[in-house]
Amino acid sequence: MKKLNKIQKRGFTLLEMVLVVAILVVLASLSFINVTDSLQRSRERQSIEESKFLTHVQSQADHVRRSILSQTPRLST
C-alpha cells in the first residue's frame, strides 16, 4: 500500500493541469489584446505623420508653382 501512495503522489492531477492551462490562456489573451492595441495606435500615429508630410509637400509644391508663375513673362495681346 505504501508503494501505491508514493506512485500516486509523483504526478500532477488533472485539476492542476487544467488550472495551469487556464492561466496560460488568460495570459496569452491579455498579451494578444495589448499587442493589437499597440498596433492600432501605431497605425494611427503613422497616418497622422503621413498626412502632415503630405500637407508639407503640397505647400512646398504650391510655393514652387507660385514662384515659377511669377517669373514667367506674360505675352501681350
PDB file of N, CA and C in Angstrom:
ATOM      1  N   MET A   1       0.800  -1.188   0.000  1.00  0.00           N
ATOM      2  CA  MET A   1       0.000   0.000   0.000  1.00  0.00           C
ATOM      3  C   MET A   1       0.852   1.265   0.000  1.00  0.00           C
ATOM      4  N   LYS A   2       1.997   1.235   0.684  1.00  0.00           N
ATOM      5  CA  LYS A   2       2.851   2.415   0.733  1.00  0.00           C
ATOM      6  C   LYS A   2       3.432   2.739  -0.637  1.00  0.00           C
ATOM      7  N   LYS A   3       3.770   1.731  -1.421  1.00  0.00           N
ATOM      8  CA  LYS A   3       4.306   1.964  -2.769  1.00  0.00           C
ATOM      9  C   LYS A   3       3.252   2.623  -3.655  1.00  0.00           C
ATOM     10  N   LEU A   4       2.025   2.213  -3.536  1.00  0.00           N
ATOM     11  CA  LEU A   4       0.949   2.768  -4.335  1.00  0.00           C
ATOM     12  C   LEU A   4       0.753   4.257  -4.022  1.00  0.00           C
ATOM     13  N   ASN A   5       0.821   4.654  -2.775  1.00  0.00           N
ATOM     14  CA  ASN A   5       0.677   6.062  -2.395  1.00  0.00           C
ATOM     15  C   ASN A   5       1.823   6.902  -2.937  1.00  0.00           C
ATOM     16  N   LYS A   6       3.054   6.376  -2.926  1.00  0.00           N
ATOM     17  CA  LYS A   6       4.194   7.107  -3.459  1.00  0.00           C
ATOM     18  C   LYS A   6       4.039   7.339  -4.961  1.00  0.00           C
ATOM     19  N   ILE A   7       3.571   6.327  -5.646  1.00  0.00           N
ATOM     20  CA  ILE A   7       3.393   6.444  -7.097  1.00  0.00           C
ATOM     21  C   ILE A   7       2.311   7.462  -7.413  1.00  0.00           C
ATOM     22  N   GLN A   8       1.245   7.483  -6.680  1.00  0.00           N
ATOM     23  CA  GLN A   8       0.154   8.414  -6.934  1.00  0.00           C
ATOM     24  C   GLN A   8       0.566   9.853  -6.644  1.00  0.00           C
ATOM     25  N   LYS A   9       1.467  10.092  -5.732  1.00  0.00           N
ATOM     26  CA  LYS A   9       1.876  11.447  -5.357  1.00  0.00           C
ATOM     27  C   LYS A   9       2.875  12.062  -6.347  1.00  0.00           C
ATOM     28  N   ARG A  10       3.464  11.292  -7.227  1.00  0.00           N
ATOM     29  CA  ARG A  10       4.504  11.812  -8.120  1.00  0.00           C
ATOM     30  C   ARG A  10       3.964  12.735  -9.207  1.00  0.00           C
ATOM     31  N   GLY A  11       2.849  12.415  -9.788  1.00  0.00           N
ATOM     32  CA  GLY A  11       2.359  13.170 -10.944  1.00  0.00           C
ATOM     33  C   GLY A  11       1.466  14.341 -10.567  1.00  0.00           C
ATOM     34  N   PHE A  12       1.038  15.057 -11.606  1.00  0.00           N
ATOM     35  CA  PHE A  12       0.110  16.168 -11.416  1.00  0.00           C
ATOM     36  C   PHE A  12      -1.308  15.659 -11.576  1.00  0.00           C
ATOM     37  N   THR A  13      -2.227  16.288 -10.895  1.00  0.00           N
ATOM     38  CA  THR A  13      -3.628  15.910 -11.064  1.00  0.00           C
ATOM     39  C   THR A  13      -4.176  16.623 -12.285  1.00  0.00           C
ATOM     40  N   LEU A  14      -5.281  16.146 -12.762  1.00  0.00           N
ATOM     41  CA  LEU A  14      -5.928  16.754 -13.921  1.00  0.00           C
ATOM     42  C   LEU A  14      -6.343  18.187 -13.597  1.00  0.00           C
ATOM     43  N   LEU A  15      -6.808  18.425 -12.406  1.00  0.00           N
ATOM     44  CA  LEU A  15      -7.208  19.761 -11.988  1.00  0.00           C
ATOM     45  C   LEU A  15      -6.025  20.737 -12.023  1.00  0.00           C
ATOM     46  N   GLU A  16      -4.876  20.317 -11.582  1.00  0.00           N
ATOM     47  CA  GLU A  16      -3.689  21.173 -11.622  1.00  0.00           C
ATOM     48  C   GLU A  16      -3.293  21.504 -13.055  1.00  0.00           C
ATOM     49  N   MET A  17      -3.356  20.531 -13.917  1.00  0.00           N
ATOM     50  CA  MET A  17      -3.022  20.759 -15.324  1.00  0.00           C
ATOM     51  C   MET A  17      -4.025  21.718 -15.976  1.00  0.00           C
ATOM     52  N   VAL A  18      -5.302  21.545 -15.694  1.00  0.00           N
ATOM     53  CA  VAL A  18      -6.326  22.427 -16.261  1.00  0.00           C
ATOM     54  C   VAL A  18      -6.117  23.850 -15.758  1.00  0.00           C
ATOM     55  N   LEU A  19      -5.784  23.995 -14.486  1.00  0.00           N
ATOM     56  CA  LEU A  19      -5.533  25.310 -13.919  1.00  0.00           C
ATOM     57  C   LEU A  19      -4.355  25.997 -14.598  1.00  0.00           C
ATOM     58  N   VAL A  20      -3.285  25.274 -14.820  1.00  0.00           N
ATOM     59  CA  VAL A  20      -2.107  25.841 -15.489  1.00  0.00           C
ATOM     60  C   VAL A  20      -2.453  26.260 -16.913  1.00  0.00           C
ATOM     61  N   VAL A  21      -3.187  25.422 -17.617  1.00  0.00           N
ATOM     62  CA  VAL A  21      -3.575  25.755 -18.989  1.00  0.00           C
ATOM     63  C   VAL A  21      -4.491  26.978 -18.991  1.00  0.00           C
ATOM     64  N   ALA A  22      -5.420  27.062 -18.050  1.00  0.00           N
ATOM     65  CA  ALA A  22      -6.328  28.204 -17.987  1.00  0.00           C
ATOM     66  C   ALA A  22      -5.547  29.497 -17.719  1.00  0.00           C
ATOM     67  N   ILE A  23      -4.575  29.446 -16.824  1.00  0.00           N
ATOM     68  CA  ILE A  23      -3.754  30.630 -16.538  1.00  0.00           C
ATOM     69  C   ILE A  23      -2.974  31.043 -17.780  1.00  0.00           C
ATOM     70  N   LEU A  24      -2.415  30.078 -18.492  1.00  0.00           N
ATOM     71  CA  LEU A  24      -1.669  30.393 -19.715  1.00  0.00           C
ATOM     72  C   LEU A  24      -2.572  31.012 -20.777  1.00  0.00           C
ATOM     73  N   VAL A  25      -3.788  30.524 -20.886  1.00  0.00           N
ATOM     74  CA  VAL A  25      -4.733  31.080 -21.865  1.00  0.00           C
ATOM     75  C   VAL A  25      -5.075  32.520 -21.518  1.00  0.00           C
ATOM     76  N   VAL A  26      -5.295  32.802 -20.245  1.00  0.00           N
ATOM     77  CA  VAL A  26      -5.608  34.169 -19.822  1.00  0.00           C
ATOM     78  C   VAL A  26      -4.436  35.090 -20.114  1.00  0.00           C
ATOM     79  N   LEU A  27      -3.227  34.661 -19.787  1.00  0.00           N
ATOM     80  CA  LEU A  27      -2.047  35.485 -20.050  1.00  0.00           C
ATOM     81  C   LEU A  27      -1.854  35.724 -21.546  1.00  0.00           C
ATOM     82  N   ALA A  28      -2.062  34.688 -22.342  1.00  0.00           N
ATOM     83  CA  ALA A  28      -1.913  34.829 -23.795  1.00  0.00           C
ATOM     84  C   ALA A  28      -2.954  35.787 -24.361  1.00  0.00           C
ATOM     85  N   SER A  29      -4.187  35.713 -23.878  1.00  0.00           N
ATOM     86  CA  SER A  29      -5.223  36.608 -24.398  1.00  0.00           C
ATOM     87  C   SER A  29      -4.944  38.051 -24.001  1.00  0.00           C
ATOM     88  N   LEU A  30      -4.435  38.274 -22.783  1.00  0.00           N
ATOM     89  CA  LEU A  30      -4.097  39.635 -22.367  1.00  0.00           C
ATOM     90  C   LEU A  30      -2.965  40.201 -23.220  1.00  0.00           C
ATOM     91  N   SER A  31      -1.968  39.402 -23.487  1.00  0.00           N
ATOM     92  CA  SER A  31      -0.858  39.894 -24.308  1.00  0.00           C
ATOM     93  C   SER A  31      -1.310  40.139 -25.744  1.00  0.00           C
ATOM     94  N   PHE A  32      -2.216  39.308 -26.253  1.00  0.00           N
ATOM     95  CA  PHE A  32      -2.737  39.497 -27.606  1.00  0.00           C
ATOM     96  C   PHE A  32      -3.503  40.807 -27.698  1.00  0.00           C
ATOM     97  N   ILE A  33      -4.312  41.104 -26.689  1.00  0.00           N
ATOM     98  CA  ILE A  33      -5.073  42.353 -26.676  1.00  0.00           C
ATOM     99  C   ILE A  33      -4.120  43.543 -26.637  1.00  0.00           C
ATOM    100  N   ASN A  34      -3.080  43.472 -25.821  1.00  0.00           N
ATOM    101  CA  ASN A  34      -2.122  44.577 -25.734  1.00  0.00           C
ATOM    102  C   ASN A  34      -1.389  44.784 -27.050  1.00  0.00           C
ATOM    103  N   VAL A  35      -1.026  43.703 -27.699  1.00  0.00           N
ATOM    104  CA  VAL A  35      -0.308  43.811 -28.975  1.00  0.00           C
ATOM    105  C   VAL A  35      -1.206  44.422 -30.041  1.00  0.00           C
ATOM    106  N   THR A  36      -2.451  43.984 -30.119  1.00  0.00           N
ATOM    107  CA  THR A  36      -3.338  44.539 -31.140  1.00  0.00           C
ATOM    108  C   THR A  36      -3.632  46.016 -30.869  1.00  0.00           C
ATOM    109  N   ASP A  37      -3.778  46.401 -29.608  1.00  0.00           N
ATOM    110  CA  ASP A  37      -3.979  47.816 -29.285  1.00  0.00           C
ATOM    111  C   ASP A  37      -2.754  48.641 -29.682  1.00  0.00           C
ATOM    112  N   SER A  38      -1.586  48.124 -29.402  1.00  0.00           N
ATOM    113  CA  SER A  38      -0.359  48.838 -29.757  1.00  0.00           C
ATOM    114  C   SER A  38      -0.230  48.991 -31.269  1.00  0.00           C
ATOM    115  N   LEU A  39      -0.574  47.958 -32.004  1.00  0.00           N
ATOM    116  CA  LEU A  39      -0.512  48.042 -33.462  1.00  0.00           C
ATOM    117  C   LEU A  39      -1.495  49.078 -33.993  1.00  0.00           C
ATOM    118  N   GLN A  40      -2.696  49.122 -33.423  1.00  0.00           N
ATOM    119  CA  GLN A  40      -3.690  50.094 -33.859  1.00  0.00           C
ATOM    120  C   GLN A  40      -3.213  51.522 -33.589  1.00  0.00           C
ATOM    121  N   ARG A  41      -2.673  51.770 -32.398  1.00  0.00           N
ATOM    122  CA  ARG A  41      -2.160  53.105 -32.083  1.00  0.00           C
ATOM    123  C   ARG A  41      -1.004  53.476 -33.003  1.00  0.00           C
ATOM    124  N   SER A  42      -0.168  52.503 -33.325  1.00  0.00           N
ATOM    125  CA  SER A  42       0.958  52.759 -34.214  1.00  0.00           C
ATOM    126  C   SER A  42       0.470  53.131 -35.612  1.00  0.00           C
ATOM    127  N   ARG A  43      -0.538  52.438 -36.102  1.00  0.00           N
ATOM    128  CA  ARG A  43      -1.092  52.762 -37.420  1.00  0.00           C
ATOM    129  C   ARG A  43      -1.705  54.163 -37.428  1.00  0.00           C
ATOM    130  N   GLU A  44      -2.391  54.514 -36.335  1.00  0.00           N
ATOM    131  CA  GLU A  44      -2.991  55.847 -36.261  1.00  0.00           C
ATOM    132  C   GLU A  44      -1.914  56.926 -36.270  1.00  0.00           C
ATOM    133  N   ARG A  45      -0.844  56.718 -35.493  1.00  0.00           N
ATOM    134  CA  ARG A  45       0.252  57.693 -35.465  1.00  0.00           C
ATOM    135  C   ARG A  45       0.911  57.812 -36.831  1.00  0.00           C
ATOM    136  N   GLN A  46       1.081  56.688 -37.515  1.00  0.00           N
ATOM    137  CA  GLN A  46       1.703  56.700 -38.835  1.00  0.00           C
ATOM    138  C   GLN A  46       0.819  57.469 -39.821  1.00  0.00           C
ATOM    139  N   SER A  47      -0.483  57.290 -39.741  1.00  0.00           N
ATOM    140  CA  SER A  47      -1.394  58.018 -40.631  1.00  0.00           C
ATOM    141  C   SER A  47      -1.311  59.518 -40.383  1.00  0.00           C
ATOM    142  N   ILE A  48      -1.236  59.908 -39.119  1.00  0.00           N
ATOM    143  CA  ILE A  48      -1.132  61.333 -38.793  1.00  0.00           C
ATOM    144  C   ILE A  48       0.163  61.909 -39.355  1.00  0.00           C
ATOM    145  N   GLU A  49       1.264  61.184 -39.184  1.00  0.00           N
ATOM    146  CA  GLU A  49       2.554  61.668 -39.693  1.00  0.00           C
ATOM    147  C   GLU A  49       2.548  61.744 -41.215  1.00  0.00           C
ATOM    148  N   GLU A  50       1.926  60.767 -41.871  1.00  0.00           N
ATOM    149  CA  GLU A  50       1.861  60.796 -43.336  1.00  0.00           C
ATOM    150  C   GLU A  50       1.030  61.983 -43.822  1.00  0.00           C
ATOM    151  N   SER A  51      -0.072  62.267 -43.140  1.00  0.00           N
ATOM    152  CA  SER A  51      -0.893  63.401 -43.569  1.00  0.00           C
ATOM    153  C   SER A  51      -0.151  64.719 -43.347  1.00  0.00           C
ATOM    154  N   LYS A  52       0.607  64.827 -42.251  1.00  0.00           N
ATOM    155  CA  LYS A  52       1.415  66.036 -42.030  1.00  0.00           C
ATOM    156  C   LYS A  52       2.458  66.185 -43.131  1.00  0.00           C
ATOM    157  N   PHE A  53       3.093  65.074 -43.511  1.00  0.00           N
ATOM    158  CA  PHE A  53       4.104  65.112 -44.556  1.00  0.00           C
ATOM    159  C   PHE A  53       3.490  65.532 -45.889  1.00  0.00           C
ATOM    160  N   LEU A  54       2.330  64.952 -46.220  1.00  0.00           N
ATOM    161  CA  LEU A  54       1.687  65.304 -47.484  1.00  0.00           C
ATOM    162  C   LEU A  54       1.256  66.756 -47.503  1.00  0.00           C
ATOM    163  N   THR A  55       0.798  67.282 -46.385  1.00  0.00           N
ATOM    164  CA  THR A  55       0.436  68.699 -46.306  1.00  0.00           C
ATOM    165  C   THR A  55       1.669  69.569 -46.532  1.00  0.00           C
ATOM    166  N   HIS A  56       2.769  69.188 -45.957  1.00  0.00           N
ATOM    167  CA  HIS A  56       4.018  69.935 -46.130  1.00  0.00           C
ATOM    168  C   HIS A  56       4.466  69.912 -47.591  1.00  0.00           C
ATOM    169  N   VAL A  57       4.425  68.738 -48.202  1.00  0.00           N
ATOM    170  CA  VAL A  57       4.840  68.611 -49.602  1.00  0.00           C
ATOM    171  C   VAL A  57       3.929  69.442 -50.494  1.00  0.00           C
ATOM    172  N   GLN A  58       2.625  69.413 -50.206  1.00  0.00           N
ATOM    173  CA  GLN A  58       1.695  70.188 -51.016  1.00  0.00           C
ATOM    174  C   GLN A  58       1.961  71.688 -50.885  1.00  0.00           C
ATOM    175  N   SER A  59       2.255  72.151 -49.684  1.00  0.00           N
ATOM    176  CA  SER A  59       2.530  73.581 -49.516  1.00  0.00           C
ATOM    177  C   SER A  59       3.831  73.963 -50.222  1.00  0.00           C
ATOM    178  N   GLN A  60       4.815  73.082 -50.195  1.00  0.00           N
ATOM    179  CA  GLN A  60       6.067  73.362 -50.921  1.00  0.00           C
ATOM    180  C   GLN A  60       5.818  73.408 -52.416  1.00  0.00           C
ATOM    181  N   ALA A  61       4.996  72.495 -52.921  1.00  0.00           N
ATOM    182  CA  ALA A  61       4.685  72.489 -54.355  1.00  0.00           C
ATOM    183  C   ALA A  61       3.938  73.755 -54.746  1.00  0.00           C
ATOM    184  N   ASP A  62       3.014  74.205 -53.905  1.00  0.00           N
ATOM    185  CA  ASP A  62       2.295  75.456 -54.191  1.00  0.00           C
ATOM    186  C   ASP A  62       3.264  76.636 -54.221  1.00  0.00           C
ATOM    187  N   HIS A  63       4.194  76.646 -53.292  1.00  0.00           N
ATOM    188  CA  HIS A  63       5.180  77.736 -53.247  1.00  0.00           C
ATOM    189  C   HIS A  63       6.029  77.743 -54.526  1.00  0.00           C
ATOM    190  N   VAL A  64       6.494  76.585 -54.958  1.00  0.00           N
ATOM    191  CA  VAL A  64       7.304  76.487 -56.177  1.00  0.00           C
ATOM    192  C   VAL A  64       6.475  76.901 -57.389  1.00  0.00           C
ATOM    193  N   ARG A  65       5.239  76.482 -57.460  1.00  0.00           N
ATOM    194  CA  ARG A  65       4.378  76.824 -58.590  1.00  0.00           C
ATOM    195  C   ARG A  65       4.155  78.333 -58.648  1.00  0.00           C
ATOM    196  N   ARG A  66       3.899  78.941 -57.481  1.00  0.00           N
ATOM    197  CA  ARG A  66       3.697  80.390 -57.445  1.00  0.00           C
ATOM    198  C   ARG A  66       4.955  81.144 -57.867  1.00  0.00           C
ATOM    199  N   SER A  67       6.113  80.659 -57.435  1.00  0.00           N
ATOM    200  CA  SER A  67       7.351  81.358 -57.805  1.00  0.00           C
ATOM    201  C   SER A  67       7.645  81.193 -59.293  1.00  0.00           C
ATOM    202  N   ILE A  68       7.324  80.059 -59.853  1.00  0.00           N
ATOM    203  CA  ILE A  68       7.529  79.860 -61.298  1.00  0.00           C
ATOM    204  C   ILE A  68       6.576  80.744 -62.084  1.00  0.00           C
ATOM    205  N   LEU A  69       5.316  80.798 -61.648  1.00  0.00           N
ATOM    206  CA  LEU A  69       4.330  81.633 -62.378  1.00  0.00           C
ATOM    207  C   LEU A  69       4.665  83.120 -62.276  1.00  0.00           C
ATOM    208  N   SER A  70       5.239  83.527 -61.183  1.00  0.00           N
ATOM    209  CA  SER A  70       5.572  84.955 -61.054  1.00  0.00           C
ATOM    210  C   SER A  70       6.775  85.332 -61.896  1.00  0.00           C
ATOM    211  N   GLN A  71       7.602  84.373 -62.272  1.00  0.00           N
ATOM    212  CA  GLN A  71       8.779  84.656 -63.067  1.00  0.00           C
ATOM    213  C   GLN A  71       8.531  84.485 -64.560  1.00  0.00           C
ATOM    214  N   THR A  72       7.425  83.883 -64.948  1.00  0.00           N
ATOM    215  CA  THR A  72       7.141  83.639 -66.349  1.00  0.00           C
ATOM    216  C   THR A  72       6.688  84.947 -67.008  1.00  0.00           C
ATOM    217  N   PRO A  73       7.344  85.326 -68.106  1.00  0.00           N
ATOM    218  CA  PRO A  73       6.915  86.549 -68.806  1.00  0.00           C
ATOM    219  C   PRO A  73       5.555  86.330 -69.453  1.00  0.00           C
ATOM    220  N   ARG A  74       4.718  87.334 -69.399  1.00  0.00           N
ATOM    221  CA  ARG A  74       3.372  87.217 -69.995  1.00  0.00           C
ATOM    222  C   ARG A  74       3.411  87.754 -71.419  1.00  0.00           C
ATOM    223  N   LEU A  75       2.696  87.092 -72.255  1.00  0.00           N
ATOM    224  CA  LEU A  75       2.593  87.536 -73.649  1.00  0.00           C
ATOM    225  C   LEU A  75       1.577  88.665 -73.747  1.00  0.00           C
ATOM    226  N   SER A  76       1.911  89.689 -74.475  1.00  0.00           N
ATOM    227  CA  SER A  76       0.946  90.771 -74.659  1.00  0.00           C
ATOM    228  C   SER A  76       0.116  90.474 -75.881  1.00  0.00           C
ATOM    229  N   THR A  77      -1.133  90.778 -75.782  1.00  0.00           N
ATOM    230  CA  THR A  77      -2.027  90.519 -76.924  1.00  0.00           C
ATOM    231  C   THR A  77      -2.565  91.766 -77.519  1.00  0.00           C
TER     232      THR A  77
END
